[in-house]
Amino acid sequence: MNTFFTQYETSKNNAIQFMENGQISAYLNALLEMNKYKRLMVAVVSN
C-alpha cells in the first residue's frame, strides 16, 4: 500500500511539473498513471 501511495505521489508531482512546462501529452499520461495507482490503492483497501 505504501509503495502505491509513493508512486501515486510521484506521478502527481510529475503531472504538476508537466502542466507547468506545457507538456500536454506527458501531463495526460501522468494523469492516467495516477488513476492506475489510485485504483490499485482502492483495490488493496477493499480486500
Protein backbone atom coordinates (compact mmCIF):
# COMPACT_ATOMS: atom_id res chain seq x y z
CA MET A 1 0.00 0.00 0.00
CA ASN A 2 2.82 2.39 0.86
CA THR A 3 4.53 1.77 -2.46
CA PHE A 4 1.31 2.54 -4.34
CA PHE A 5 0.94 5.77 -2.40
CA THR A 6 4.53 6.86 -3.07
CA GLN A 7 4.16 6.02 -6.76
CA TYR A 8 0.88 7.95 -6.82
CA GLU A 9 2.52 10.99 -5.24
CA THR A 10 5.44 10.79 -7.68
CA SER A 11 3.03 10.69 -10.59
CA LYS A 12 1.14 13.62 -9.11
CA ASN A 13 4.30 15.70 -8.82
CA ASN A 14 5.28 14.76 -12.38
CA ALA A 15 1.85 15.80 -13.62
CA ILE A 16 2.20 19.19 -11.94
CA GLN A 17 5.63 19.71 -13.50
CA PHE A 18 4.41 18.70 -16.94
CA MET A 19 1.42 21.03 -16.65
CA GLU A 20 3.68 23.94 -15.67
CA ASN A 21 6.01 23.20 -18.59
CA GLY A 22 3.14 22.95 -21.07
CA GLN A 23 3.83 19.33 -21.99
CA ILE A 24 0.22 18.31 -22.53
CA SER A 25 0.72 14.71 -23.71
CA ALA A 26 3.11 13.92 -20.86
CA TYR A 27 0.66 15.57 -18.45
CA LEU A 28 -2.19 13.37 -19.66
CA ASN A 29 -0.01 10.26 -19.40
CA ALA A 30 0.87 11.20 -15.82
CA LEU A 31 -2.84 11.62 -15.03
CA LEU A 32 -3.52 8.14 -16.42
CA GLU A 33 -0.71 6.76 -14.26
CA MET A 34 -2.19 8.50 -11.20
CA ASN A 35 -5.56 6.92 -11.97
CA LYS A 36 -3.94 3.47 -12.23
CA TYR A 37 -2.29 3.75 -8.81
CA LYS A 38 -5.43 5.17 -7.24
CA ARG A 39 -7.43 2.18 -8.49
CA LEU A 40 -4.78 -0.19 -7.13
CA MET A 41 -4.94 1.51 -3.73
CA VAL A 42 -8.75 1.20 -3.66
CA ALA A 43 -8.49 -2.48 -4.59
CA VAL A 44 -5.99 -3.14 -1.81
CA VAL A 45 -8.09 -1.33 0.77
CA SER A 46 -11.29 -3.12 -0.23
CA ASN A 47 -9.71 -6.57 0.17
